[in-house]
Amino acid sequence: MHLGSLDGNLASPREVFRRAVINGVKAVIIAHNHPSGDPKPSPKDRSITKKLAKAGQVLEIALLDHVVVGEQGRYYSFGDAGKIPEAL
């Protein structure tokens, strides 16, 4: 788990994958919310998703999805949108 600021994401691949490595998992799904309520991914969301997918490939831990949660049950799934490389 990582806590970001009100208007930014401070997550690094090292922090995101720390527990996954310690626990020996083969795949992860990450999620975060947008306080604005709009789940449309920002350029920073797209950038960190690419970084995490690459880091996961190096670590042999598949990034299955990155979900951005908005208001009223709305969300954006990078996986559903085909924006994540295939799992290892």
Protein backbone atom coordinates (compact mmCIF):
# COMPACT_ATOMS: atom_id res chain seq x y z
CA MET A 1 0.00 0.00 0.00
CA HIS A 2 1.21 3.46 -0.83
CA LEU A 3 -0.32 6.78 0.09
CA GLY A 4 -0.11 9.60 -2.40
CA SER A 5 -0.77 13.28 -1.99
CA LEU A 6 -4.03 15.02 -2.82
CA ASP A 7 -2.87 15.97 -6.32
CA GLY A 8 -0.14 13.49 -7.14
CA ASN A 9 1.14 9.96 -6.99
CA LEU A 10 4.46 9.43 -5.29
CA ALA A 11 4.64 5.67 -5.86
CA SER A 12 7.87 4.18 -7.13
CA PRO A 13 8.21 0.70 -8.64
CA ARG A 14 10.42 -0.28 -5.69
CA GLU A 15 7.67 0.60 -3.20
CA VAL A 16 4.89 -0.95 -5.27
CA PHE A 17 6.68 -4.29 -5.70
CA ARG A 18 8.30 -4.53 -2.25
CA ARG A 19 5.59 -6.68 -0.65
CA ALA A 20 5.10 -8.67 -3.82
CA VAL A 21 8.78 -9.66 -3.79
CA ILE A 22 8.77 -10.41 -0.05
CA ASN A 23 5.68 -12.59 -0.39
CA GLY A 24 6.79 -14.34 -3.57
CA VAL A 25 3.76 -13.45 -5.66
CA LYS A 26 3.65 -13.94 -9.42
CA ALA A 27 1.27 -11.10 -10.30
CA VAL A 28 -0.20 -7.86 -8.93
CA ILE A 29 -3.12 -5.56 -9.57
CA ILE A 30 -2.72 -1.96 -8.47
CA ALA A 31 -5.44 0.59 -7.90
CA HIS A 32 -5.82 4.16 -6.78
CA ASN A 33 -8.56 6.74 -6.65
CA HIS A 34 -8.90 10.15 -8.21
CA PRO A 35 -10.22 12.59 -5.60
CA SER A 36 -11.82 14.57 -8.43
CA GLY A 37 -14.17 11.64 -9.03
CA ASP A 38 -13.20 11.40 -12.72
CA PRO A 39 -11.45 8.06 -13.36
CA LYS A 40 -9.89 9.19 -16.65
CA PRO A 41 -6.16 8.34 -16.37
CA SER A 42 -3.76 11.26 -16.28
CA PRO A 43 -0.47 11.37 -18.19
CA LYS A 44 1.25 10.53 -14.87
CA ASP A 45 -1.02 7.49 -14.47
CA ARG A 46 -0.05 6.30 -17.94
CA SER A 47 3.63 6.89 -17.24
CA ILE A 48 3.69 5.02 -13.93
CA THR A 49 1.75 2.13 -15.48
CA LYS A 50 4.45 1.74 -18.14
CA LYS A 51 7.20 1.92 -15.50
CA LEU A 52 5.47 -0.64 -13.31
CA ALA A 53 4.90 -3.04 -16.21
CA LYS A 54 8.60 -2.85 -17.14
CA ALA A 55 9.72 -3.29 -13.53
CA GLY A 56 7.38 -6.24 -13.14
CA GLN A 57 8.86 -7.88 -16.21
CA VAL A 58 12.36 -7.56 -14.77
CA LEU A 59 11.17 -8.99 -11.43
CA GLU A 60 9.08 -11.68 -13.16
CA ILE A 61 5.95 -10.33 -11.45
CA ALA A 62 3.17 -9.62 -13.91
CA LEU A 63 1.23 -6.37 -13.66
CA LEU A 64 -2.25 -7.65 -14.46
CA ASP A 65 -4.08 -4.36 -14.15
CA HIS A 66 -3.97 -0.78 -12.93
CA VAL A 67 -7.41 0.47 -11.95
CA VAL A 68 -8.29 4.13 -11.42
CA VAL A 69 -11.38 4.52 -9.24
CA GLY A 70 -13.71 7.48 -9.55
CA GLU A 71 -17.10 8.36 -8.08
CA GLN A 72 -20.42 6.56 -8.40
CA GLY A 73 -18.88 3.21 -9.28
CA ARG A 74 -16.98 4.58 -12.27
CA TYR A 75 -13.48 3.29 -12.94
CA TYR A 76 -10.85 2.96 -15.65
CA SER A 77 -9.02 -0.33 -16.12
CA PHE A 78 -5.76 -0.25 -18.06
CA GLY A 79 -6.13 -4.01 -18.44
CA ASP A 80 -9.62 -3.80 -19.96
CA ALA A 81 -8.35 -1.08 -22.29
CA GLY A 82 -5.48 -3.34 -23.46
CA LYS A 83 -2.87 -0.88 -22.19
CA ILE A 84 -0.77 -3.38 -20.17
CA PRO A 85 1.72 -5.82 -21.72
CA GLU A 86 0.79 -9.51 -21.48
CA ALA A 87 1.42 -11.22 -18.17
CA LEU A 88 4.61 -13.22 -17.85
